[in-house]
């Protein structure tokens, strides 16, 4: 199996206009999309596009209409002149638990037939039901990748749009790490990270991860709103969302 589990932590640290910090434990799945049917067969409490204790639904990602994620990835690669022939697609995300999930960030890792990483897609969601995907072409197959782009999507109601992202992401192996530094007028205002250690995705390890975090997906959305409330009590300005979108995609250089 190429799919795996990463047990680790999420950290958010805000620097301006006032400091704020939180940290919590999570587990993520790195799913080879071609293995979803096999995972459903092998793990009784895991389902693909069906309700279960733990599940994965295609409608949570991509076009979010239940259509094939593999086709969605290939379409976007082709439109941006990235070869989609004989690729392998792995998606780093939270699974549904008891039918519920919220993924602030999901990452697609695209490999060619020689296992070389050729593209990374950062799929960002907000709590308004909207999504933006930043697509980067990978030129050199390294262990650590760095990407820069301007912010094009309203995420936090306490951060302005005129910002830039600096992504640093470790190629998934025995460890996983995703770091996002957010800058405004050349000053770092936010640090966010997720890290984890790899274990095999099988019944035993998935059950162990679940038992450590039985209501993880509900905890994530609750923590987002609780931390937002604490920011509000600190007097940080609320930024009203100006545009309403569903799914946006940009190709970044």
Protein backbone atom coordinates (compact mmCIF):
# COMPACT_ATOMS: atom_id res chain seq x y z
CA UNK A 1 0.00 0.00 0.00
CA UNK A 2 1.20 3.48 -0.89
CA UNK A 3 -1.30 5.16 1.46
CA UNK A 4 -0.31 6.04 5.02
CA UNK A 5 -1.26 7.80 8.27
CA UNK A 6 0.59 10.75 9.78
CA UNK A 7 0.15 11.37 13.52
CA UNK A 8 1.27 14.81 14.62
CA UNK A 9 0.37 18.36 15.56
CA UNK A 10 -1.01 21.59 14.16
CA UNK A 11 0.45 24.91 15.31
CA UNK A 12 -0.79 28.46 14.66
CA UNK A 13 1.16 31.48 15.86
CA UNK A 14 0.01 35.02 15.14
CA UNK A 15 2.45 37.93 15.52
CA UNK A 16 0.49 41.05 14.55
CA UNK A 17 -1.43 43.14 15.47
CA UNK A 18 -1.50 41.06 18.67
CA UNK A 19 0.17 37.76 19.52
CA UNK A 20 -1.89 34.59 19.64
CA UNK A 21 -0.92 30.90 19.78
CA UNK A 22 -2.58 27.50 19.76
CA UNK A 23 -1.55 23.90 19.20
CA UNK A 24 -3.43 20.61 19.00
CA UNK A 25 -2.84 16.98 18.04
CA UNK A 26 -4.26 15.49 14.82
CA UNK A 27 -3.87 12.63 12.42
CA UNK A 28 -4.00 12.93 8.65
CA UNK A 29 -4.26 10.40 5.85
CA UNK A 30 -1.99 10.44 2.83
CA UNK A 31 -4.19 8.58 0.37
CA UNK A 32 -3.06 7.19 -2.96
CA UNK A 33 -6.28 7.90 -4.85
CA UNK A 34 -5.91 4.70 -6.87
CA UNK A 35 -6.11 2.67 -3.62
CA UNK A 36 -9.43 3.95 -2.28
CA UNK A 37 -11.45 0.90 -3.30
CA UNK A 38 -8.80 -1.43 -1.86
CA UNK A 39 -8.76 0.51 1.41
CA UNK A 40 -12.53 0.14 1.64
CA UNK A 41 -12.23 -3.64 1.13
CA UNK A 42 -9.39 -4.09 3.62
CA UNK A 43 -10.59 -1.81 6.44
CA UNK A 44 -14.11 -2.65 7.65
CA UNK A 45 -14.69 0.66 9.43
CA UNK A 46 -13.42 2.76 6.48
CA UNK A 47 -15.60 3.58 3.46
CA UNK A 48 -15.15 5.36 0.15
CA UNK A 49 -18.03 7.72 -0.73
CA UNK A 50 -20.20 6.03 1.92
CA UNK A 51 -20.86 6.69 5.61
CA UNK A 52 -18.74 4.85 8.13
CA UNK A 53 -16.83 5.45 11.33
CA UNK A 54 -14.05 6.84 9.12
CA UNK A 55 -14.62 7.67 5.47
CA UNK A 56 -13.39 9.60 2.45
CA UNK A 57 -15.72 11.38 0.04
CA UNK A 58 -14.62 12.75 -3.33
CA UNK A 59 -17.17 15.56 -2.97
CA UNK A 60 -15.05 17.03 -0.17
CA UNK A 61 -12.33 18.01 -2.68
CA UNK A 62 -11.77 19.14 -6.24
CA UNK A 63 -14.98 20.24 -7.94
CA UNK A 64 -16.84 19.09 -4.79
CA UNK A 65 -19.67 17.59 -6.84
CA UNK A 66 -18.76 13.93 -6.27
CA UNK A 67 -17.00 13.57 -9.62
CA UNK A 68 -13.66 11.79 -10.03
CA UNK A 69 -10.78 13.50 -8.24
CA UNK A 70 -8.28 11.75 -10.51
CA UNK A 71 -9.95 13.28 -13.57
CA UNK A 72 -10.09 16.68 -11.86
CA UNK A 73 -6.36 16.61 -11.12
CA UNK A 74 -5.47 15.48 -14.65
CA UNK A 75 -7.65 18.18 -16.18
CA UNK A 76 -5.93 20.90 -14.18
CA UNK A 77 -2.47 19.56 -14.92
CA UNK A 78 -3.22 19.41 -18.66
CA UNK A 79 -4.58 22.96 -18.64
CA UNK A 80 -1.32 24.14 -17.08
CA UNK A 81 1.01 22.16 -19.38
CA UNK A 82 2.02 19.56 -16.81
CA UNK A 83 2.15 16.01 -18.20
CA UNK A 84 -0.68 13.97 -16.65
CA UNK A 85 0.16 10.64 -18.29
CA UNK A 86 0.86 7.70 -15.95
CA UNK A 87 0.78 9.88 -12.84
CA UNK A 88 0.26 8.84 -9.23
CA UNK A 89 -1.83 11.16 -7.04
CA UNK A 90 -1.58 11.25 -3.25
CA UNK A 91 -3.82 13.48 -1.16
CA UNK A 92 -2.93 14.65 2.35
CA UNK A 93 -6.13 15.41 4.23
CA UNK A 94 -8.28 14.73 7.26
CA UNK A 95 -10.82 11.92 6.83
CA UNK A 96 -14.47 12.16 7.72
CA UNK A 97 -15.25 10.88 11.22
CA UNK A 98 -18.89 9.92 11.75
CA UNK A 99 -19.59 11.63 8.44
CA UNK A 100 -18.07 15.04 9.24
CA UNK A 101 -14.86 16.76 8.17
CA UNK A 102 -13.44 20.23 7.65
CA UNK A 103 -10.09 20.50 5.87
CA UNK A 104 -8.56 23.98 6.18
CA UNK A 105 -5.75 22.75 3.92
CA UNK A 106 -5.46 19.63 1.77
CA UNK A 107 -2.38 18.94 -0.34
CA UNK A 108 -2.21 16.94 -3.57
CA UNK A 109 1.20 15.43 -4.37
CA UNK A 110 1.55 14.46 -8.05
CA UNK A 111 4.19 11.95 -9.10
CA UNK A 112 5.23 10.78 -12.56
CA UNK A 113 5.74 7.14 -13.55
CA UNK A 114 9.29 7.28 -12.13
CA UNK A 115 8.02 8.38 -8.68
CA UNK A 116 9.35 11.91 -9.29
CA UNK A 117 7.27 14.69 -7.77
CA UNK A 118 6.09 16.97 -10.60
CA UNK A 119 3.35 19.13 -9.06
CA UNK A 120 1.84 20.19 -5.72
CA UNK A 121 -1.70 21.49 -5.29
CA UNK A 122 -2.61 23.40 -2.13
CA UNK A 123 -6.39 23.24 -1.64
CA UNK A 124 -7.51 25.85 0.89
CA UNK A 125 -11.00 26.06 2.40
CA UNK A 126 -12.71 28.62 4.59
CA UNK A 127 -15.65 28.25 6.96
CA UNK A 128 -17.96 29.97 4.44
CA UNK A 129 -18.03 26.83 2.27
CA UNK A 130 -15.57 28.23 -0.26
CA UNK A 131 -12.34 26.84 -1.71
CA UNK A 132 -9.26 27.98 -3.61
CA UNK A 133 -6.57 25.73 -5.08
CA UNK A 134 -3.04 27.00 -5.73
CA UNK A 135 -1.24 24.83 -8.33
CA UNK A 136 2.56 24.74 -8.48
CA UNK A 137 4.74 22.93 -10.97
CA UNK A 138 7.72 21.18 -9.40
CA UNK A 139 10.89 21.62 -11.42
CA UNK A 140 13.36 19.67 -9.29
CA UNK A 141 12.51 16.61 -7.21
CA UNK A 142 13.85 17.66 -3.81
CA UNK A 143 13.11 16.74 -0.18
CA UNK A 144 11.97 20.26 0.77
CA UNK A 145 9.91 22.47 -1.52
CA UNK A 146 9.33 26.21 -1.22
CA UNK A 147 6.58 28.17 -2.96
CA UNK A 148 5.53 31.81 -2.89
CA UNK A 149 2.30 33.42 -4.05
CA UNK A 150 -0.04 36.27 -3.27
CA UNK A 151 -3.12 35.57 -1.19
CA UNK A 152 -6.14 35.23 -3.47
CA UNK A 153 -8.77 33.87 -1.11
CA UNK A 154 -10.47 35.13 2.05
CA UNK A 155 -9.71 32.66 4.85
CA UNK A 156 -9.56 34.30 8.27
CA UNK A 157 -11.96 37.16 9.05
CA UNK A 158 -9.12 38.73 11.04
CA UNK A 159 -6.52 38.98 8.23
CA UNK A 160 -6.59 41.36 5.26
CA UNK A 161 -6.35 40.13 1.67
CA UNK A 162 -3.20 42.08 0.76
CA UNK A 163 -0.85 39.34 1.94
CA UNK A 164 1.62 36.81 0.57
CA UNK A 165 2.08 33.13 1.38
CA UNK A 166 5.40 31.35 1.73
CA UNK A 167 4.87 27.57 1.65
CA UNK A 168 7.52 25.12 2.82
CA UNK A 169 6.63 21.48 2.44
CA UNK A 170 8.57 18.30 3.09
CA UNK A 171 8.24 15.50 0.56
CA UNK A 172 6.22 12.86 2.43
CA UNK A 173 8.34 10.05 3.80
CA UNK A 174 8.85 8.87 7.36
CA UNK A 175 7.93 12.42 8.34
CA UNK A 176 5.53 15.01 6.95
CA UNK A 177 5.72 18.77 7.39
CA UNK A 178 3.76 21.66 5.89
CA UNK A 179 4.61 25.22 6.96
CA UNK A 180 2.88 28.40 5.83
CA UNK A 181 4.27 31.82 6.68
CA UNK A 182 1.94 34.71 5.87
CA UNK A 183 3.39 38.15 5.23
CA UNK A 184 1.85 41.62 4.98
CA UNK A 185 4.03 44.50 3.73
CA UNK A 186 7.13 42.33 4.27
CA UNK A 187 6.27 41.60 7.91
CA UNK A 188 5.40 38.09 9.07
CA UNK A 189 1.96 38.13 10.64
CA UNK A 190 1.17 34.41 10.89
CA UNK A 191 2.96 31.06 11.14
CA UNK A 192 0.98 27.86 10.60
CA UNK A 193 2.30 24.32 10.47
CA UNK A 194 1.31 20.70 10.46
CA UNK A 195 3.74 17.87 11.03
CA UNK A 196 3.49 14.15 11.54
CA UNK A 197 5.22 10.78 11.70
CA UNK A 198 4.27 8.04 9.29
CA UNK A 199 2.64 4.69 10.04
CA UNK A 200 1.03 2.25 7.63
CA UNK A 201 -2.61 2.80 6.73
CA UNK A 202 -4.20 -0.42 7.92
CA UNK A 203 -7.00 -1.41 10.29
CA UNK A 204 -4.84 -1.57 13.41
CA UNK A 205 -3.06 1.77 12.94
CA UNK A 206 -6.18 3.61 11.77
CA UNK A 207 -8.10 2.40 14.82
CA UNK A 208 -5.25 3.49 17.10
CA UNK A 209 -5.22 6.96 15.53
CA UNK A 210 -8.99 7.21 15.83
CA UNK A 211 -9.00 6.18 19.50
CA UNK A 212 -6.44 8.89 20.26
CA UNK A 213 -8.62 11.48 18.49
CA UNK A 214 -12.19 10.09 18.47
CA UNK A 215 -13.87 13.42 17.65
CA UNK A 216 -10.96 15.05 15.83
CA UNK A 217 -12.87 16.58 12.92
CA UNK A 218 -15.45 18.11 15.26
CA UNK A 219 -12.60 19.38 17.45
CA UNK A 220 -10.98 21.12 14.47
CA UNK A 221 -14.03 23.17 13.50
CA UNK A 222 -14.77 23.91 17.17
CA UNK A 223 -11.20 25.08 17.74
CA UNK A 224 -11.36 27.38 14.71
CA UNK A 225 -14.43 29.15 16.06
CA UNK A 226 -13.13 29.21 19.64
CA UNK A 227 -9.80 30.74 18.59
CA UNK A 228 -11.68 33.27 16.42
CA UNK A 229 -13.71 34.26 19.48
CA UNK A 230 -10.51 34.77 21.47
CA UNK A 231 -9.09 36.97 18.68
CA UNK A 232 -12.28 39.02 18.77
CA UNK A 233 -12.01 39.46 22.54
CA UNK A 234 -8.45 40.75 22.01
CA UNK A 235 -9.90 43.55 19.92
CA UNK A 236 -8.51 42.46 16.55
CA UNK A 237 -10.37 44.06 13.67
CA UNK A 238 -12.98 41.92 11.90
CA UNK A 239 -12.47 41.90 8.11
CA UNK A 240 -15.67 41.55 6.12
CA UNK A 241 -15.54 39.13 3.19
CA UNK A 242 -16.14 41.04 -0.06
CA UNK A 243 -16.48 38.30 -2.67
CA UNK A 244 -18.54 35.13 -2.73
CA UNK A 245 -17.08 32.19 -4.63
CA UNK A 246 -17.36 28.40 -4.69
CA UNK A 247 -14.21 26.94 -6.22
CA UNK A 248 -11.31 28.95 -7.63
CA UNK A 249 -8.07 27.64 -9.10
CA UNK A 250 -4.87 29.53 -9.94
CA UNK A 251 -1.64 28.31 -11.50
CA UNK A 252 1.35 29.81 -9.71
CA UNK A 253 4.92 30.22 -10.90
